[in-house]
Amino acid sequence: MPMYKVRPVHGGRGAVLAEQLPTCMYRLPNVHRSAPPAAAPAQLTFLSLIQEEVDPSLQALESRQEEILKRLYELKSAVDGLSKMIHTPDADFDVTNIIQTDQHSPLTTNADLDLMLGKDYGALKDIVINANPSLPPLSLLVLHSLLCERYKILSAVHTHSSVKSVPENLLKCFGEQTKRQPRQEYQLGFTLIWKDVLKPQMKFSIQTMCPIEGEGNIARFLFSLLGQKYNAVASTLIDSWVDTAIFQLKEGSNKEKGAVLRSMNAALGKTSWLVGNELTVADIVTWCALQQTGSASAAPANVQKWMKACENLAPFTSVIKLLK
């Protein structure tokens, strides 16, 4: 007995019986037509789904994504263009070698005091510095002498009530101020007040500005009044030497001081001064730090030669008198 019956495909004389065979699993209307067939309006078709209105928030999100991708592509093109122009130096490249070709204004030029200190008609621009007499900021005294060579400066030294006594040589650190002229005859005022402060403080606009603290920061500002300009590499090296003098030579351990002296000896073996072939604020601050810490006697040969070159300049000799 058969398990199930199958209708015969062939007839008695070999003719094929007509059979209705399916052409697909399920029927869908033709999506290429302009509209679904009117005969089957109740059927849910794929074409009716895609013809529904798209949510405006989705359209906005898609537009935003396309805009972001476009901007990213433009940024990538810009970075690729810059990468072809920039050449990364070798790790052992000595940046001090290019200071020789640095183009900067000579030390004889003057800065625009109105631009740097602000223009105030009828009033003298007065720089006021508070310093502790127990640790006098020698670099500021050197810079005062340099500024006096460029500008007509009205100098004054005062003692604050927080200090009981000040040595006579510090009270006369700016020399004898015998010839006094009217204030309007001067270009700049420079007032030093011996006061019980932890760090030197400077203001040139008492009412409007916060004080600049630290000998290194004040020295940078005063030296900028001389009008000398440097490129980015030279400026970075100068700032590095100033910070090294303040934080390692003056405040560091003996091991740190020895490391700084070795670095100075190596740098001064290539150039006359710490940065390039002209005096900078780095030389002034470093020389004063060596004098205050007593490390000058143990300095290597190149450093000793550099110190003598500093002492041959008049602004340094006036400070040497204070140390005696």
Protein backbone atom coordinates (compact mmCIF):
# COMPACT_ATOMS: atom_id res chain seq x y z
CA MET A 1 0.00 0.00 0.00
CA PRO A 2 1.60 3.38 -1.00
CA MET A 3 2.28 6.05 1.68
CA TYR A 4 0.69 8.83 -0.39
CA LYS A 5 -0.68 9.24 -3.86
CA VAL A 6 0.78 11.41 -6.59
CA ARG A 7 -1.20 12.40 -9.58
CA PRO A 8 0.30 11.16 -12.83
CA VAL A 9 2.07 13.71 -14.97
CA HIS A 10 1.68 11.85 -18.26
CA GLY A 11 -1.49 10.70 -19.85
CA GLY A 12 -2.20 7.41 -21.37
CA ARG A 13 -0.62 8.25 -24.75
CA GLY A 14 2.41 10.16 -23.37
CA ALA A 15 0.79 13.60 -23.36
CA VAL A 16 1.76 15.93 -20.52
CA LEU A 17 -1.15 16.81 -18.27
CA ALA A 18 -1.78 20.50 -17.68
CA GLU A 19 -0.77 21.46 -14.17
CA GLN A 20 -0.98 24.84 -12.39
CA LEU A 21 2.51 25.28 -10.88
CA PRO A 22 3.43 28.31 -8.63
CA THR A 23 5.81 30.85 -10.13
CA CYS A 24 6.99 32.36 -6.76
CA MET A 25 6.60 31.94 -3.04
CA TYR A 26 4.28 34.96 -2.69
CA ARG A 27 3.07 37.69 -4.96
CA LEU A 28 4.06 41.36 -4.91
CA PRO A 29 3.00 44.13 -7.19
CA ASN A 30 5.44 45.49 -9.75
CA VAL A 31 7.45 48.29 -8.08
CA HIS A 32 8.30 49.84 -11.46
CA ARG A 33 4.77 50.93 -12.03
CA SER A 34 3.84 54.56 -11.32
CA ALA A 35 1.17 53.51 -8.83
CA PRO A 36 0.07 50.27 -7.18
CA PRO A 37 -2.68 48.36 -8.98
CA ALA A 38 -6.17 49.67 -8.30
CA ALA A 39 -7.47 46.12 -8.04
CA ALA A 40 -5.75 45.50 -4.65
CA PRO A 41 -5.91 48.74 -2.58
CA ALA A 42 -6.04 46.95 0.74
CA GLN A 43 -2.72 45.14 0.28
CA LEU A 44 0.33 46.61 2.17
CA THR A 45 3.06 46.85 -0.41
CA PHE A 46 6.73 47.79 -0.26
CA LEU A 47 6.11 50.70 -2.61
CA SER A 48 3.54 52.23 -0.26
CA LEU A 49 6.11 52.13 2.57
CA ILE A 50 8.87 53.93 0.73
CA GLN A 51 6.46 56.53 -0.58
CA GLU A 52 5.50 57.63 2.94
CA GLU A 53 6.83 61.01 4.08
CA VAL A 54 10.29 60.84 5.76
CA ASP A 55 10.64 62.29 9.27
CA PRO A 56 12.17 65.85 9.07
CA SER A 57 14.48 65.09 12.04
CA LEU A 58 15.99 62.19 10.11
CA GLN A 59 16.55 64.43 7.10
CA ALA A 60 18.26 67.03 9.31
CA LEU A 61 20.47 64.36 10.88
CA GLU A 62 21.47 63.05 7.46
CA SER A 63 22.32 66.56 6.25
CA ARG A 64 24.40 67.19 9.37
CA GLN A 65 26.30 63.95 8.87
CA GLU A 66 27.06 64.85 5.27
CA GLU A 67 28.32 68.30 6.36
CA ILE A 68 30.58 66.79 9.05
CA LEU A 69 32.03 64.28 6.59
CA LYS A 70 32.68 67.10 4.13
CA ARG A 71 34.52 69.18 6.76
CA LEU A 72 36.56 66.16 7.88
CA TYR A 73 37.60 65.57 4.31
CA GLU A 74 38.68 69.21 3.96
CA LEU A 75 40.67 69.04 7.21
CA LYS A 76 42.36 65.85 6.10
CA SER A 77 43.35 67.49 2.82
CA ALA A 78 44.77 70.51 4.70
CA VAL A 79 46.79 68.32 7.10
CA ASP A 80 48.14 66.26 4.21
CA GLY A 81 49.26 69.47 2.54
CA LEU A 82 51.02 70.75 5.66
CA SER A 83 52.74 67.43 6.28
CA LYS A 84 54.46 67.76 2.92
CA MET A 85 55.81 71.20 3.89
CA ILE A 86 57.06 70.46 7.42
CA HIS A 87 60.23 68.46 7.97
CA THR A 88 60.74 67.04 11.46
CA PRO A 89 64.33 67.56 12.67
CA ASP A 90 66.42 64.74 13.99
CA ALA A 91 66.29 64.00 17.69
CA ASP A 92 69.91 65.00 18.20
CA PHE A 93 69.59 68.29 16.29
CA ASP A 94 71.08 71.14 18.30
CA VAL A 95 68.80 74.17 18.02
CA THR A 96 71.53 76.48 19.30
CA ASN A 97 73.26 76.14 15.94
CA ILE A 98 70.60 78.21 14.20
CA ILE A 99 70.70 81.11 16.66
CA GLN A 100 73.66 82.47 14.71
CA THR A 101 71.36 83.36 11.81
CA ASP A 102 68.60 84.79 13.99
CA GLN A 103 67.50 88.16 12.72
CA HIS A 104 66.56 90.44 15.59
CA SER A 105 66.75 94.12 16.29
CA PRO A 106 69.94 95.38 17.92
CA LEU A 107 70.09 96.27 21.59
CA THR A 108 70.41 99.96 20.78
CA THR A 109 66.80 100.29 19.67
CA ASN A 110 64.07 101.40 22.08
CA ALA A 111 60.67 99.86 22.65
CA ASP A 112 57.43 101.75 22.28
CA LEU A 113 56.69 102.51 25.93
CA ASP A 114 53.22 103.79 25.12
CA LEU A 115 52.40 100.52 23.40
CA MET A 116 53.77 98.33 26.19
CA LEU A 117 52.78 100.33 29.27
CA GLY A 118 49.72 102.16 27.96
CA LYS A 119 49.35 105.78 26.95
CA ASP A 120 48.48 108.16 29.75
CA TYR A 121 48.68 111.83 28.87
CA GLY A 122 50.21 114.07 31.50
CA ALA A 123 51.37 111.20 33.78
CA LEU A 124 54.76 109.55 34.09
CA LYS A 125 54.79 105.79 33.62
CA ASP A 126 56.18 104.54 36.91
CA ILE A 127 57.41 100.99 37.49
CA VAL A 128 57.18 100.10 41.17
CA ILE A 129 59.06 97.05 42.50
CA ASN A 130 58.84 95.60 46.01
CA ALA A 131 61.84 93.50 47.05
CA ASN A 132 63.22 91.97 50.22
CA PRO A 133 66.59 93.46 51.29
CA SER A 134 67.67 90.09 52.72
CA LEU A 135 67.82 88.72 49.15
CA PRO A 136 68.18 91.69 46.78
CA PRO A 137 67.21 90.98 43.15
CA LEU A 138 70.53 91.75 41.52
CA SER A 139 69.27 91.14 38.00
CA LEU A 140 66.75 93.96 38.36
CA LEU A 141 69.56 96.34 39.33
CA VAL A 142 71.51 95.35 36.20
CA LEU A 143 68.44 95.89 34.06
CA HIS A 144 67.86 99.28 35.67
CA SER A 145 71.34 100.33 34.54
CA LEU A 146 70.64 99.10 30.99
CA LEU A 147 67.35 100.99 30.88
CA CYS A 148 69.10 104.16 32.05
CA GLU A 149 71.30 103.92 28.96
CA ARG A 150 68.23 103.96 26.69
CA TYR A 151 65.73 106.23 28.46
CA LYS A 152 65.57 109.17 30.81
CA ILE A 153 64.53 107.46 34.03
CA LEU A 154 63.46 108.97 37.31
CA SER A 155 64.86 106.52 39.89
CA ALA A 156 63.93 106.34 43.57
CA VAL A 157 64.55 103.96 46.49
CA HIS A 158 62.26 103.77 49.54
CA THR A 159 61.94 101.65 52.66
CA HIS A 160 58.65 100.12 53.76
CA SER A 161 57.58 100.09 57.39
CA SER A 162 57.70 96.27 57.41
CA VAL A 163 61.52 96.45 57.22
CA LYS A 164 63.42 97.64 60.27
CA SER A 165 66.73 98.46 58.65
CA VAL A 166 68.32 98.39 55.20
CA PRO A 167 72.06 98.45 54.48
CA GLU A 168 73.37 101.76 53.22
CA ASN A 169 74.61 100.30 49.93
CA LEU A 170 71.08 99.05 49.09
CA LEU A 171 69.60 102.45 49.82
CA LYS A 172 72.02 103.89 47.25
CA CYS A 173 71.82 101.01 44.76
CA PHE A 174 70.72 103.44 42.02
CA GLY A 175 73.52 105.83 42.73
CA GLU A 176 73.29 109.39 43.92
CA GLN A 177 70.12 111.07 42.62
CA THR A 178 71.33 114.66 42.99
CA LYS A 179 70.16 116.32 39.79
CA ARG A 180 66.39 116.26 39.83
CA GLN A 181 64.31 117.56 36.94
CA PRO A 182 60.54 117.99 36.69
CA ARG A 183 58.71 114.67 36.30
CA GLN A 184 57.50 115.53 32.83
CA GLU A 185 61.11 115.63 31.64
CA TYR A 186 61.52 111.86 32.19
CA GLN A 187 60.35 108.99 30.02
CA LEU A 188 59.99 106.37 32.76
CA GLY A 189 59.88 106.14 36.52
CA PHE A 190 61.65 103.31 38.36
CA THR A 191 60.84 103.02 42.06
CA LEU A 192 62.32 100.29 44.26
CA ILE A 193 60.74 99.72 47.68
CA TRP A 194 62.57 97.52 50.17
CA LYS A 195 59.74 95.56 51.77
CA ASP A 196 59.21 92.30 53.68
CA VAL A 197 57.92 90.16 50.77
CA LEU A 198 58.56 86.54 49.87
CA LYS A 199 59.22 87.28 46.19
CA PRO A 200 59.89 90.47 44.27
CA GLN A 201 56.70 92.13 43.03
CA MET A 202 56.26 94.66 40.24
CA LYS A 203 53.47 96.95 39.09
CA PHE A 204 53.45 99.70 36.49
CA SER A 205 49.76 100.52 36.87
CA ILE A 206 48.85 100.51 40.53
CA GLN A 207 45.10 100.78 40.06
CA THR A 208 44.44 98.36 37.20
CA MET A 209 46.91 95.47 37.20
CA CYS A 210 47.84 92.52 39.38
CA PRO A 211 51.48 92.37 40.50
CA ILE A 212 54.03 90.43 38.49
CA GLU A 213 55.82 88.15 40.94
CA GLY A 214 59.22 86.53 40.74
CA GLU A 215 62.61 87.89 39.81
CA GLY A 216 62.68 85.97 36.53
CA ASN A 217 59.29 87.23 35.36
CA ILE A 218 60.09 90.83 36.23
CA ALA A 219 63.47 90.56 34.50
CA ARG A 220 61.80 89.31 31.32
CA PHE A 221 59.44 92.28 31.31
CA LEU A 222 62.15 94.88 31.98
CA PHE A 223 64.42 93.45 29.29
CA SER A 224 61.56 93.63 26.76
CA LEU A 225 61.56 97.42 27.26
CA LEU A 226 64.96 97.49 25.55
CA GLY A 227 63.21 96.67 22.27
CA GLN A 228 65.07 93.49 21.35
CA LYS A 229 63.11 90.84 19.40
CA TYR A 230 63.82 87.11 18.95
CA ASN A 231 62.39 84.26 16.98
CA ALA A 232 60.49 81.41 18.64
CA VAL A 233 63.53 79.16 19.10
CA ALA A 234 65.69 81.87 20.70
CA SER A 235 62.83 83.01 22.95
CA THR A 236 62.30 79.45 24.16
CA LEU A 237 65.99 79.00 24.97
CA ILE A 238 66.10 82.33 26.82
CA ASP A 239 63.06 81.41 28.94
CA SER A 240 64.58 78.02 29.67
CA TRP A 241 67.85 79.53 30.94
CA VAL A 242 66.01 82.09 33.09
CA ASP A 243 63.91 79.37 34.74
CA THR A 244 66.99 77.21 35.20
CA ALA A 245 68.83 80.05 36.95
CA ILE A 246 65.93 80.80 39.30
CA PHE A 247 64.75 77.29 40.17
CA GLN A 248 67.98 75.28 39.99
CA LEU A 249 70.92 77.61 40.54
CA LYS A 250 69.28 79.66 43.29
CA GLU A 251 66.84 77.15 44.81
CA GLY A 252 68.15 73.75 43.72
CA SER A 253 70.41 71.19 45.37
CA ASN A 254 74.16 70.95 44.88
CA LYS A 255 73.61 68.17 42.35
CA GLU A 256 71.28 70.38 40.31
CA LYS A 257 73.71 73.29 40.45
CA GLY A 258 76.52 71.07 39.17
CA ALA A 259 74.36 69.87 36.28
CA VAL A 260 73.51 73.47 35.34
CA LEU A 261 77.18 74.49 35.36
CA ARG A 262 78.02 71.61 33.02
CA SER A 263 75.21 72.59 30.67
CA MET A 264 76.39 76.19 30.70
CA ASN A 265 79.95 75.16 29.97
CA ALA A 266 78.80 73.14 26.95
CA ALA A 267 76.60 75.96 25.61
CA LEU A 268 79.27 78.62 26.10
CA GLY A 269 81.73 76.45 24.18
CA LYS A 270 79.68 77.16 21.03
CA THR A 271 78.59 80.78 21.50
CA SER A 272 79.86 83.84 23.35
CA TRP A 273 76.66 84.17 25.37
CA LEU A 274 74.11 81.66 26.58
CA VAL A 275 71.82 82.29 23.60
CA GLY A 276 73.57 83.50 20.47
CA ASN A 277 76.29 86.11 20.26
CA GLU A 278 74.57 88.97 22.09
CA LEU A 279 73.70 89.64 25.71
CA THR A 280 70.19 88.55 26.71
CA VAL A 281 68.18 88.48 29.91
CA ALA A 282 69.29 84.86 30.32
CA ASP A 283 72.89 86.01 30.84
CA ILE A 284 71.84 88.69 33.31
CA VAL A 285 69.68 86.45 35.51
CA THR A 286 72.13 83.53 35.39
CA TRP A 287 75.15 85.67 36.26
CA CYS A 288 73.31 87.20 39.23
CA ALA A 289 72.20 83.77 40.42
CA LEU A 290 75.80 82.55 40.39
CA GLN A 291 76.87 85.57 42.41
CA GLN A 292 74.14 85.14 45.01
CA THR A 293 74.68 81.40 45.52
CA GLY A 294 78.48 81.52 45.62
CA SER A 295 78.81 79.03 42.75
CA ALA A 296 81.02 81.32 40.67
CA SER A 297 84.28 80.05 42.13
CA ALA A 298 83.52 76.43 41.14
CA ALA A 299 82.50 77.29 37.59
CA PRO A 300 84.21 75.53 34.60
CA ALA A 301 86.54 77.32 32.19
CA ASN A 302 83.96 78.47 29.64
CA VAL A 303 81.70 79.76 32.39
CA GLN A 304 84.57 81.67 34.00
CA LYS A 305 85.36 83.31 30.67
CA TRP A 306 81.71 84.24 30.21
CA MET A 307 81.51 85.72 33.72
CA LYS A 308 84.49 87.96 33.01
CA ALA A 309 82.80 89.15 29.81
CA CYS A 310 79.73 90.08 31.85
CA GLU A 311 81.77 91.90 34.49
CA ASN A 312 83.44 94.00 31.80
CA LEU A 313 80.06 95.63 31.09
CA ALA A 314 79.22 98.73 33.11
CA PRO A 315 75.78 97.56 34.40
CA PHE A 316 77.40 94.51 36.00
CA THR A 317 80.23 96.43 37.64
CA SER A 318 77.74 98.57 39.54
CA VAL A 319 76.22 95.40 41.03
CA ILE A 320 79.66 94.01 41.94
CA LYS A 321 80.13 97.02 44.20
CA LEU A 322 77.03 96.02 46.13
CA LEU A 323 78.40 92.53 46.72
CA LYS A 324 81.60 93.77 48.35
